[in-house]
Amino acid sequence: SSLHKKLECNSRQPDRWNPFGYEIC
């Protein structure tokens, strides 16, 4: 995936598997 700006709801930075970042739920 292409990297995009991290979403405000996510604390983890974007990577090639999670292009908008990710969060522990």
mmCIF file of all heavy atoms, coordinates in Angstrom:
data_MODEL
# 
_entry.id   MODEL 
# 
loop_
_atom_site.group_PDB 
_atom_site.id 
_atom_site.type_symbol 
_atom_site.label_atom_id 
_atom_site.label_alt_id 
_atom_site.label_comp_id 
_atom_site.label_asym_id 
_atom_site.label_entity_id 
_atom_site.label_seq_id 
_atom_site.pdbx_PDB_ins_code 
_atom_site.Cartn_x 
_atom_site.Cartn_y 
_atom_site.Cartn_z 
_atom_site.occupancy 
_atom_site.B_iso_or_equiv 
_atom_site.pdbx_formal_charge 
_atom_site.auth_seq_id 
_atom_site.auth_comp_id 
_atom_site.auth_asym_id 
_atom_site.auth_atom_id 
_atom_site.pdbx_PDB_model_num 
ATOM 1   N N   . SER A 1 1  ? 0.826   -1.204 0.000  1.00 0.00 ? 1  SER A N   1 
ATOM 2   C CA  . SER A 1 1  ? 0.000   0.000  0.000  1.00 0.00 ? 1  SER A CA  1 
ATOM 3   C C   . SER A 1 1  ? 0.860   1.253  0.000  1.00 0.00 ? 1  SER A C   1 
ATOM 4   O O   . SER A 1 1  ? 1.966   1.275  0.563  1.00 0.00 ? 1  SER A O   1 
ATOM 5   C CB  . SER A 1 1  ? -0.909  0.017  1.234  1.00 0.00 ? 1  SER A CB  1 
ATOM 6   O OG  . SER A 1 1  ? -1.824  -1.054 1.203  1.00 0.00 ? 1  SER A OG  1 
ATOM 7   N N   . SER A 1 2  ? 0.350   2.311  -0.604 1.00 0.00 ? 2  SER A N   1 
ATOM 8   C CA  . SER A 1 2  ? 0.998   3.623  -0.524 1.00 0.00 ? 2  SER A CA  1 
ATOM 9   C C   . SER A 1 2  ? 0.678   4.239  0.836  1.00 0.00 ? 2  SER A C   1 
ATOM 10  O O   . SER A 1 2  ? -0.441  4.088  1.346  1.00 0.00 ? 2  SER A O   1 
ATOM 11  C CB  . SER A 1 2  ? 0.491   4.540  -1.640 1.00 0.00 ? 2  SER A CB  1 
ATOM 12  O OG  . SER A 1 2  ? 0.797   4.001  -2.905 1.00 0.00 ? 2  SER A OG  1 
ATOM 13  N N   . LEU A 1 3  ? 1.643   4.939  1.424  1.00 0.00 ? 3  LEU A N   1 
ATOM 14  C CA  . LEU A 1 3  ? 1.439   5.524  2.745  1.00 0.00 ? 3  LEU A CA  1 
ATOM 15  C C   . LEU A 1 3  ? 0.656   6.826  2.643  1.00 0.00 ? 3  LEU A C   1 
ATOM 16  O O   . LEU A 1 3  ? 0.864   7.629  1.733  1.00 0.00 ? 3  LEU A O   1 
ATOM 17  C CB  . LEU A 1 3  ? 2.783   5.774  3.429  1.00 0.00 ? 3  LEU A CB  1 
ATOM 18  C CG  . LEU A 1 3  ? 3.687   4.550  3.623  1.00 0.00 ? 3  LEU A CG  1 
ATOM 19  C CD1 . LEU A 1 3  ? 4.897   4.923  4.482  1.00 0.00 ? 3  LEU A CD1 1 
ATOM 20  C CD2 . LEU A 1 3  ? 2.936   3.394  4.262  1.00 0.00 ? 3  LEU A CD2 1 
ATOM 21  N N   . HIS A 1 4  ? -0.256  7.023  3.604  1.00 0.00 ? 4  HIS A N   1 
ATOM 22  C CA  . HIS A 1 4  ? -1.054  8.245  3.666  1.00 0.00 ? 4  HIS A CA  1 
ATOM 23  C C   . HIS A 1 4  ? -0.871  8.893  5.035  1.00 0.00 ? 4  HIS A C   1 
ATOM 24  O O   . HIS A 1 4  ? -0.221  8.341  5.921  1.00 0.00 ? 4  HIS A O   1 
ATOM 25  C CB  . HIS A 1 4  ? -2.533  7.921  3.427  1.00 0.00 ? 4  HIS A CB  1 
ATOM 26  C CG  . HIS A 1 4  ? -2.818  7.337  2.083  1.00 0.00 ? 4  HIS A CG  1 
ATOM 27  N ND1 . HIS A 1 4  ? -2.997  8.103  0.963  1.00 0.00 ? 4  HIS A ND1 1 
ATOM 28  C CD2 . HIS A 1 4  ? -2.937  6.040  1.679  1.00 0.00 ? 4  HIS A CD2 1 
ATOM 29  C CE1 . HIS A 1 4  ? -3.225  7.327  -0.083 1.00 0.00 ? 4  HIS A CE1 1 
ATOM 30  N NE2 . HIS A 1 4  ? -3.190  6.059  0.330  1.00 0.00 ? 4  HIS A NE2 1 
ATOM 31  N N   . LYS A 1 5  ? -1.470  10.044 5.205  1.00 0.00 ? 5  LYS A N   1 
ATOM 32  C CA  . LYS A 1 5  ? -1.408  10.733 6.494  1.00 0.00 ? 5  LYS A CA  1 
ATOM 33  C C   . LYS A 1 5  ? -2.126  9.900  7.553  1.00 0.00 ? 5  LYS A C   1 
ATOM 34  O O   . LYS A 1 5  ? -3.198  9.344  7.315  1.00 0.00 ? 5  LYS A O   1 
ATOM 35  C CB  . LYS A 1 5  ? -2.071  12.107 6.379  1.00 0.00 ? 5  LYS A CB  1 
ATOM 36  C CG  . LYS A 1 5  ? -2.014  12.922 7.668  1.00 0.00 ? 5  LYS A CG  1 
ATOM 37  C CD  . LYS A 1 5  ? -2.685  14.276 7.479  1.00 0.00 ? 5  LYS A CD  1 
ATOM 38  C CE  . LYS A 1 5  ? -2.654  15.078 8.785  1.00 0.00 ? 5  LYS A CE  1 
ATOM 39  N NZ  . LYS A 1 5  ? -3.328  16.384 8.633  1.00 0.00 ? 5  LYS A NZ  1 
ATOM 40  N N   . LYS A 1 6  ? -1.532  9.808  8.727  1.00 0.00 ? 6  LYS A N   1 
ATOM 41  C CA  . LYS A 1 6  ? -2.122  9.023  9.820  1.00 0.00 ? 6  LYS A CA  1 
ATOM 42  C C   . LYS A 1 6  ? -3.453  9.636  10.245 1.00 0.00 ? 6  LYS A C   1 
ATOM 43  O O   . LYS A 1 6  ? -3.565  10.855 10.422 1.00 0.00 ? 6  LYS A O   1 
ATOM 44  C CB  . LYS A 1 6  ? -1.167  8.961  11.012 1.00 0.00 ? 6  LYS A CB  1 
ATOM 45  C CG  . LYS A 1 6  ? -1.702  8.173  12.207 1.00 0.00 ? 6  LYS A CG  1 
ATOM 46  C CD  . LYS A 1 6  ? -0.658  8.042  13.301 1.00 0.00 ? 6  LYS A CD  1 
ATOM 47  C CE  . LYS A 1 6  ? -0.397  9.360  13.999 1.00 0.00 ? 6  LYS A CE  1 
ATOM 48  N NZ  . LYS A 1 6  ? -1.584  9.819  14.782 1.00 0.00 ? 6  LYS A NZ  1 
ATOM 49  N N   . LEU A 1 7  ? -4.463  8.788  10.425 1.00 0.00 ? 7  LEU A N   1 
ATOM 50  C CA  . LEU A 1 7  ? -5.747  9.255  10.921 1.00 0.00 ? 7  LEU A CA  1 
ATOM 51  C C   . LEU A 1 7  ? -5.626  9.682  12.381 1.00 0.00 ? 7  LEU A C   1 
ATOM 52  O O   . LEU A 1 7  ? -4.852  9.091  13.153 1.00 0.00 ? 7  LEU A O   1 
ATOM 53  C CB  . LEU A 1 7  ? -6.797  8.150  10.804 1.00 0.00 ? 7  LEU A CB  1 
ATOM 54  C CG  . LEU A 1 7  ? -7.103  7.622  9.397  1.00 0.00 ? 7  LEU A CG  1 
ATOM 55  C CD1 . LEU A 1 7  ? -8.112  6.483  9.481  1.00 0.00 ? 7  LEU A CD1 1 
ATOM 56  C CD2 . LEU A 1 7  ? -7.620  8.735  8.510  1.00 0.00 ? 7  LEU A CD2 1 
ATOM 57  N N   . GLU A 1 8  ? -6.402  10.669 12.780 1.00 0.00 ? 8  GLU A N   1 
ATOM 58  C CA  . GLU A 1 8  ? -6.349  11.165 14.163 1.00 0.00 ? 8  GLU A CA  1 
ATOM 59  C C   . GLU A 1 8  ? -6.754  10.101 15.170 1.00 0.00 ? 8  GLU A C   1 
ATOM 60  O O   . GLU A 1 8  ? -6.301  10.114 16.317 1.00 0.00 ? 8  GLU A O   1 
ATOM 61  C CB  . GLU A 1 8  ? -7.244  12.393 14.312 1.00 0.00 ? 8  GLU A CB  1 
ATOM 62  C CG  . GLU A 1 8  ? -6.716  13.636 13.600 1.00 0.00 ? 8  GLU A CG  1 
ATOM 63  C CD  . GLU A 1 8  ? -7.580  14.849 13.862 1.00 0.00 ? 8  GLU A CD  1 
ATOM 64  O OE1 . GLU A 1 8  ? -8.551  14.723 14.655 1.00 0.00 ? 8  GLU A OE1 1 
ATOM 65  O OE2 . GLU A 1 8  ? -7.300  15.920 13.283 1.00 0.00 ? 8  GLU A OE2 1 
ATOM 66  N N   . CYS A 1 9  ? -7.603  9.170  14.750 1.00 0.00 ? 9  CYS A N   1 
ATOM 67  C CA  . CYS A 1 9  ? -8.069  8.122  15.673 1.00 0.00 ? 9  CYS A CA  1 
ATOM 68  C C   . CYS A 1 9  ? -7.018  7.045  15.904 1.00 0.00 ? 9  CYS A C   1 
ATOM 69  O O   . CYS A 1 9  ? -7.187  6.191  16.779 1.00 0.00 ? 9  CYS A O   1 
ATOM 70  C CB  . CYS A 1 9  ? -9.359  7.494  15.157 1.00 0.00 ? 9  CYS A CB  1 
ATOM 71  S SG  . CYS A 1 9  ? -9.201  6.737  13.519 1.00 0.00 ? 9  CYS A SG  1 
ATOM 72  N N   . ASN A 1 10 ? -5.940  7.064  15.138 1.00 0.00 ? 10 ASN A N   1 
ATOM 73  C CA  . ASN A 1 10 ? -4.890  6.047  15.262 1.00 0.00 ? 10 ASN A CA  1 
ATOM 74  C C   . ASN A 1 10 ? -3.671  6.613  15.971 1.00 0.00 ? 10 ASN A C   1 
ATOM 75  O O   . ASN A 1 10 ? -3.282  7.761  15.725 1.00 0.00 ? 10 ASN A O   1 
ATOM 76  C CB  . ASN A 1 10 ? -4.471  5.534  13.877 1.00 0.00 ? 10 ASN A CB  1 
ATOM 77  C CG  . ASN A 1 10 ? -5.562  4.753  13.192 1.00 0.00 ? 10 ASN A CG  1 
ATOM 78  O OD1 . ASN A 1 10 ? -6.395  4.133  13.853 1.00 0.00 ? 10 ASN A OD1 1 
ATOM 79  N ND2 . ASN A 1 10 ? -5.586  4.784  11.866 1.00 0.00 ? 10 ASN A ND2 1 
ATOM 80  N N   . SER A 1 11 ? -3.053  5.801  16.809 1.00 0.00 ? 11 SER A N   1 
ATOM 81  C CA  . SER A 1 11 ? -1.807  6.217  17.466 1.00 0.00 ? 11 SER A CA  1 
ATOM 82  C C   . SER A 1 11 ? -0.583  5.596  16.795 1.00 0.00 ? 11 SER A C   1 
ATOM 83  O O   . SER A 1 11 ? 0.531   6.073  16.988 1.00 0.00 ? 11 SER A O   1 
ATOM 84  C CB  . SER A 1 11 ? -1.832  5.823  18.947 1.00 0.00 ? 11 SER A CB  1 
ATOM 85  O OG  . SER A 1 11 ? -1.887  4.413  19.091 1.00 0.00 ? 11 SER A OG  1 
ATOM 86  N N   . ARG A 1 12 ? -0.788  4.519  16.014 1.00 0.00 ? 12 ARG A N   1 
ATOM 87  C CA  . ARG A 1 12 ? 0.328   3.844  15.358 1.00 0.00 ? 12 ARG A CA  1 
ATOM 88  C C   . ARG A 1 12 ? 0.514   4.403  13.948 1.00 0.00 ? 12 ARG A C   1 
ATOM 89  O O   . ARG A 1 12 ? -0.454  4.648  13.230 1.00 0.00 ? 12 ARG A O   1 
ATOM 90  C CB  . ARG A 1 12 ? 0.080   2.334  15.298 1.00 0.00 ? 12 ARG A CB  1 
ATOM 91  C CG  . ARG A 1 12 ? -0.308  1.719  16.657 1.00 0.00 ? 12 ARG A CG  1 
ATOM 92  C CD  . ARG A 1 12 ? 0.747   1.947  17.715 1.00 0.00 ? 12 ARG A CD  1 
ATOM 93  N NE  . ARG A 1 12 ? 0.340   1.457  19.009 1.00 0.00 ? 12 ARG A NE  1 
ATOM 94  C CZ  . ARG A 1 12 ? 0.619   0.249  19.477 1.00 0.00 ? 12 ARG A CZ  1 
ATOM 95  N NH1 . ARG A 1 12 ? 1.295   -0.607 18.726 1.00 0.00 ? 12 ARG A NH1 1 
ATOM 96  N NH2 . ARG A 1 12 ? 0.220   -0.122 20.677 1.00 0.00 ? 12 ARG A NH2 1 
ATOM 97  N N   . GLN A 1 13 ? 1.765   4.549  13.564 1.00 0.00 ? 13 GLN A N   1 
ATOM 98  C CA  . GLN A 1 13 ? 2.095   5.172  12.290 1.00 0.00 ? 13 GLN A CA  1 
ATOM 99  C C   . GLN A 1 13 ? 1.724   4.285  11.091 1.00 0.00 ? 13 GLN A C   1 
ATOM 100 O O   . GLN A 1 13 ? 1.700   3.060  11.206 1.00 0.00 ? 13 GLN A O   1 
ATOM 101 C CB  . GLN A 1 13 ? 3.591   5.487  12.236 1.00 0.00 ? 13 GLN A CB  1 
ATOM 102 C CG  . GLN A 1 13 ? 4.033   6.584  13.200 1.00 0.00 ? 13 GLN A CG  1 
ATOM 103 C CD  . GLN A 1 13 ? 3.358   7.911  12.906 1.00 0.00 ? 13 GLN A CD  1 
ATOM 104 O OE1 . GLN A 1 13 ? 3.186   8.294  11.750 1.00 0.00 ? 13 GLN A OE1 1 
ATOM 105 N NE2 . GLN A 1 13 ? 3.001   8.634  13.962 1.00 0.00 ? 13 GLN A NE2 1 
ATOM 106 N N   . PRO A 1 14 ? 1.448   4.905  9.939  1.00 0.00 ? 14 PRO A N   1 
ATOM 107 C CA  . PRO A 1 14 ? 1.139   4.130  8.730  1.00 0.00 ? 14 PRO A CA  1 
ATOM 108 C C   . PRO A 1 14 ? 2.300   3.240  8.314  1.00 0.00 ? 14 PRO A C   1 
ATOM 109 O O   . PRO A 1 14 ? 3.470   3.564  8.530  1.00 0.00 ? 14 PRO A O   1 
ATOM 110 C CB  . PRO A 1 14 ? 0.892   5.226  7.675  1.00 0.00 ? 14 PRO A CB  1 
ATOM 111 C CG  . PRO A 1 14 ? 0.511   6.441  8.456  1.00 0.00 ? 14 PRO A CG  1 
ATOM 112 C CD  . PRO A 1 14 ? 1.314   6.356  9.723  1.00 0.00 ? 14 PRO A CD  1 
ATOM 113 N N   . ASP A 1 15 ? 1.965   2.095  7.720  1.00 0.00 ? 15 ASP A N   1 
ATOM 114 C CA  . ASP A 1 15 ? 2.963   1.229  7.109  1.00 0.00 ? 15 ASP A CA  1 
ATOM 115 C C   . ASP A 1 15 ? 2.338   0.623  5.855  1.00 0.00 ? 15 ASP A C   1 
ATOM 116 O O   . ASP A 1 15 ? 1.203   0.951  5.496  1.00 0.00 ? 15 ASP A O   1 
ATOM 117 C CB  . ASP A 1 15 ? 3.460   0.147  8.078  1.00 0.00 ? 15 ASP A CB  1 
ATOM 118 C CG  . ASP A 1 15 ? 2.328   -0.707 8.649  1.00 0.00 ? 15 ASP A CG  1 
ATOM 119 O OD1 . ASP A 1 15 ? 1.399   -1.040 7.886  1.00 0.00 ? 15 ASP A OD1 1 
ATOM 120 O OD2 . ASP A 1 15 ? 2.370   -1.044 9.841  1.00 0.00 ? 15 ASP A OD2 1 
ATOM 121 N N   . ARG A 1 16 ? 3.078   -0.225 5.175  1.00 0.00 ? 16 ARG A N   1 
ATOM 122 C CA  . ARG A 1 16 ? 2.606   -0.758 3.895  1.00 0.00 ? 16 ARG A CA  1 
ATOM 123 C C   . ARG A 1 16 ? 1.415   -1.697 4.046  1.00 0.00 ? 16 ARG A C   1 
ATOM 124 O O   . ARG A 1 16 ? 0.743   -2.017 3.064  1.00 0.00 ? 16 ARG A O   1 
ATOM 125 C CB  . ARG A 1 16 ? 3.752   -1.506 3.196  1.00 0.00 ? 16 ARG A CB  1 
ATOM 126 C CG  . ARG A 1 16 ? 4.950   -0.628 2.868  1.00 0.00 ? 16 ARG A CG  1 
ATOM 127 C CD  . ARG A 1 16 ? 4.597   0.463  1.869  1.00 0.00 ? 16 ARG A CD  1 
ATOM 128 N NE  . ARG A 1 16 ? 5.766   1.280  1.533  1.00 0.00 ? 16 ARG A NE  1 
ATOM 129 C CZ  . ARG A 1 16 ? 5.718   2.344  0.751  1.00 0.00 ? 16 ARG A CZ  1 
ATOM 130 N NH1 . ARG A 1 16 ? 4.566   2.741  0.227  1.00 0.00 ? 16 ARG A NH1 1 
ATOM 131 N NH2 . ARG A 1 16 ? 6.814   3.035  0.483  1.00 0.00 ? 16 ARG A NH2 1 
ATOM 132 N N   . TRP A 1 17 ? 1.143   -2.147 5.254  1.00 0.00 ? 17 TRP A N   1 
ATOM 133 C CA  . TRP A 1 17 ? -0.005  -3.020 5.506  1.00 0.00 ? 17 TRP A CA  1 
ATOM 134 C C   . TRP A 1 17 ? -1.188  -2.233 6.072  1.00 0.00 ? 17 TRP A C   1 
ATOM 135 O O   . TRP A 1 17 ? -2.324  -2.667 5.976  1.00 0.00 ? 17 TRP A O   1 
ATOM 136 C CB  . TRP A 1 17 ? 0.384   -4.130 6.484  1.00 0.00 ? 17 TRP A CB  1 
ATOM 137 C CG  . TRP A 1 17 ? 1.330   -5.116 5.890  1.00 0.00 ? 17 TRP A CG  1 
ATOM 138 C CD1 . TRP A 1 17 ? 1.014   -6.288 5.245  1.00 0.00 ? 17 TRP A CD1 1 
ATOM 139 C CD2 . TRP A 1 17 ? 2.760   -5.009 5.846  1.00 0.00 ? 17 TRP A CD2 1 
ATOM 140 N NE1 . TRP A 1 17 ? 2.146   -6.916 4.811  1.00 0.00 ? 17 TRP A NE1 1 
ATOM 141 C CE2 . TRP A 1 17 ? 3.251   -6.163 5.165  1.00 0.00 ? 17 TRP A CE2 1 
ATOM 142 C CE3 . TRP A 1 17 ? 3.673   -4.074 6.303  1.00 0.00 ? 17 TRP A CE3 1 
ATOM 143 C CZ2 . TRP A 1 17 ? 4.601   -6.382 4.952  1.00 0.00 ? 17 TRP A CZ2 1 
ATOM 144 C CZ3 . TRP A 1 17 ? 5.033   -4.291 6.074  1.00 0.00 ? 17 TRP A CZ3 1 
ATOM 145 C CH2 . TRP A 1 17 ? 5.480   -5.431 5.414  1.00 0.00 ? 17 TRP A CH2 1 
ATOM 146 N N   . ASN A 1 18 ? -0.883  -1.098 6.679  1.00 0.00 ? 18 ASN A N   1 
ATOM 147 C CA  . ASN A 1 18 ? -1.910  -0.240 7.275  1.00 0.00 ? 18 ASN A CA  1 
ATOM 148 C C   . ASN A 1 18 ? -1.641  1.200  6.838  1.00 0.00 ? 18 ASN A C   1 
ATOM 149 O O   . ASN A 1 18 ? -1.005  1.975  7.574  1.00 0.00 ? 18 ASN A O   1 
ATOM 150 C CB  . ASN A 1 18 ? -1.870  -0.356 8.801  1.00 0.00 ? 18 ASN A CB  1 
ATOM 151 C CG  . ASN A 1 18 ? -2.023  -1.786 9.276  1.00 0.00 ? 18 ASN A CG  1 
ATOM 152 O OD1 . ASN A 1 18 ? -3.118  -2.339 9.254  1.00 0.00 ? 18 ASN A OD1 1 
ATOM 153 N ND2 . ASN A 1 18 ? -0.929  -2.408 9.680  1.00 0.00 ? 18 ASN A ND2 1 
ATOM 154 N N   . PRO A 1 19 ? -2.085  1.562  5.647  1.00 0.00 ? 19 PRO A N   1 
ATOM 155 C CA  . PRO A 1 19 ? -1.657  2.824  5.030  1.00 0.00 ? 19 PRO A CA  1 
ATOM 156 C C   . PRO A 1 19 ? -2.101  4.093  5.745  1.00 0.00 ? 19 PRO A C   1 
ATOM 157 O O   . PRO A 1 19 ? -1.545  5.160  5.502  1.00 0.00 ? 19 PRO A O   1 
ATOM 158 C CB  . PRO A 1 19 ? -2.272  2.747  3.626  1.00 0.00 ? 19 PRO A CB  1 
ATOM 159 C CG  . PRO A 1 19 ? -3.393  1.762  3.733  1.00 0.00 ? 19 PRO A CG  1 
ATOM 160 C CD  . PRO A 1 19 ? -2.946  0.772  4.755  1.00 0.00 ? 19 PRO A CD  1 
ATOM 161 N N   . PHE A 1 20 ? -3.085  3.990  6.652  1.00 0.00 ? 20 PHE A N   1 
ATOM 162 C CA  . PHE A 1 20 ? -3.539  5.162  7.396  1.00 0.00 ? 20 PHE A CA  1 
ATOM 163 C C   . PHE A 1 20 ? -3.205  5.049  8.888  1.00 0.00 ? 20 PHE A C   1 
ATOM 164 O O   . PHE A 1 20 ? -3.741  5.765  9.713  1.00 0.00 ? 20 PHE A O   1 
ATOM 165 C CB  . PHE A 1 20 ? -5.051  5.344  7.222  1.00 0.00 ? 20 PHE A CB  1 
ATOM 166 C CG  . PHE A 1 20 ? -5.475  5.553  5.798  1.00 0.00 ? 20 PHE A CG  1 
ATOM 167 C CD1 . PHE A 1 20 ? -5.885  4.472  5.022  1.00 0.00 ? 20 PHE A CD1 1 
ATOM 168 C CD2 . PHE A 1 20 ? -5.457  6.816  5.220  1.00 0.00 ? 20 PHE A CD2 1 
ATOM 169 C CE1 . PHE A 1 20 ? -6.274  4.642  3.701  1.00 0.00 ? 20 PHE A CE1 1 
ATOM 170 C CE2 . PHE A 1 20 ? -5.845  7.002  3.900  1.00 0.00 ? 20 PHE A CE2 1 
ATOM 171 C CZ  . PHE A 1 20 ? -6.241  5.921  3.142  1.00 0.00 ? 20 PHE A CZ  1 
ATOM 172 N N   . GLY A 1 21 ? -2.317  4.122  9.229  1.00 0.00 ? 21 GLY A N   1 
ATOM 173 C CA  . GLY A 1 21 ? -2.006  3.852  10.631 1.00 0.00 ? 21 GLY A CA  1 
ATOM 174 C C   . GLY A 1 21 ? -2.969  2.833  11.215 1.00 0.00 ? 21 GLY A C   1 
ATOM 175 O O   . GLY A 1 21 ? -3.848  2.314  10.526 1.00 0.00 ? 21 GLY A O   1 
ATOM 176 N N   . TYR A 1 22 ? -2.806  2.549  12.491 1.00 0.00 ? 22 TYR A N   1 
ATOM 177 C CA  . TYR A 1 22 ? -3.710  1.587  13.131 1.00 0.00 ? 22 TYR A CA  1 
ATOM 178 C C   . TYR A 1 22 ? -3.764  1.843  14.623 1.00 0.00 ? 22 TYR A C   1 
ATOM 179 O O   . TYR A 1 22 ? -2.987  2.629  15.172 1.00 0.00 ? 22 TYR A O   1 
ATOM 180 C CB  . TYR A 1 22 ? -3.297  0.153  12.834 1.00 0.00 ? 22 TYR A CB  1 
ATOM 181 C CG  . TYR A 1 22 ? -1.945  -0.277 13.384 1.00 0.00 ? 22 TYR A CG  1 
ATOM 182 C CD1 . TYR A 1 22 ? -1.852  -1.015 14.561 1.00 0.00 ? 22 TYR A CD1 1 
ATOM 183 C CD2 . TYR A 1 22 ? -0.772  0.044  12.712 1.00 0.00 ? 22 TYR A CD2 1 
ATOM 184 C CE1 . TYR A 1 22 ? -0.624  -1.430 15.049 1.00 0.00 ? 22 TYR A CE1 1 
ATOM 185 C CE2 . TYR A 1 22 ? 0.458   -0.361 13.198 1.00 0.00 ? 22 TYR A CE2 1 
ATOM 186 C CZ  . TYR A 1 22 ? 0.532   -1.092 14.365 1.00 0.00 ? 22 TYR A CZ  1 
ATOM 187 O OH  . TYR A 1 22 ? 1.754   -1.488 14.853 1.00 0.00 ? 22 TYR A OH  1 
ATOM 188 N N   . GLU A 1 23 ? -4.706  1.168  15.292 1.00 0.00 ? 23 GLU A N   1 
ATOM 189 C CA  . GLU A 1 23 ? -4.910  1.373  16.724 1.00 0.00 ? 23 GLU A CA  1 
ATOM 190 C C   . GLU A 1 23 ? -5.250  0.054  17.392 1.00 0.00 ? 23 GLU A C   1 
ATOM 191 O O   . GLU A 1 23 ? -5.905  -0.812 16.794 1.00 0.00 ? 23 GLU A O   1 
ATOM 192 C CB  . GLU A 1 23 ? -6.051  2.379  16.948 1.00 0.00 ? 23 GLU A CB  1 
ATOM 193 C CG  . GLU A 1 23 ? -6.245  2.791  18.400 1.00 0.00 ? 23 GLU A CG  1 
ATOM 194 C CD  . GLU A 1 23 ? -4.988  3.375  19.016 1.00 0.00 ? 23 GLU A CD  1 
ATOM 195 O OE1 . GLU A 1 23 ? -4.709  4.569  18.841 1.00 0.00 ? 23 GLU A OE1 1 
ATOM 196 O OE2 . GLU A 1 23 ? -4.272  2.593  19.675 1.00 0.00 ? 23 GLU A OE2 1 
ATOM 197 N N   . ILE A 1 24 ? -4.790  -0.122 18.634 1.00 0.00 ? 24 ILE A N   1 
ATOM 198 C CA  . ILE A 1 24 ? -5.168  -1.293 19.430 1.00 0.00 ? 24 ILE A CA  1 
ATOM 199 C C   . ILE A 1 24 ? -6.584  -1.076 19.942 1.00 0.00 ? 24 ILE A C   1 
ATOM 200 O O   . ILE A 1 24 ? -6.881  -0.052 20.548 1.00 0.00 ? 24 ILE A O   1 
ATOM 201 C CB  . ILE A 1 24 ? -4.205  -1.487 20.613 1.00 0.00 ? 24 ILE A CB  1 
ATOM 202 C CG1 . ILE A 1 24 ? -2.763  -1.668 20.128 1.00 0.00 ? 24 ILE A CG1 1 
ATOM 203 C CG2 . ILE A 1 24 ? -4.649  -2.679 21.454 1.00 0.00 ? 24 ILE A CG2 1 
ATOM 204 C CD1 . ILE A 1 24 ? -2.545  -2.871 19.232 1.00 0.00 ? 24 ILE A CD1 1 
ATOM 205 N N   . CYS A 1 25 ? -7.463  -2.046 19.675 1.00 0.00 ? 25 CYS A N   1 
ATOM 206 C CA  . CYS A 1 25 ? -8.850  -1.891 20.115 1.00 0.00 ? 25 CYS A CA  1 
ATOM 207 C C   . CYS A 1 25 ? -9.242  -2.872 21.214 1.00 0.00 ? 25 CYS A C   1 
ATOM 208 O O   . CYS A 1 25 ? -10.233 -2.661 21.915 1.00 0.00 ? 25 CYS A O   1 
ATOM 209 C CB  . CYS A 1 25 ? -9.799  -2.025 18.928 1.00 0.00 ? 25 CYS A CB  1 
ATOM 210 S SG  . CYS A 1 25 ? -9.717  -3.611 18.058 1.00 0.00 ? 25 CYS A SG  1 
# 
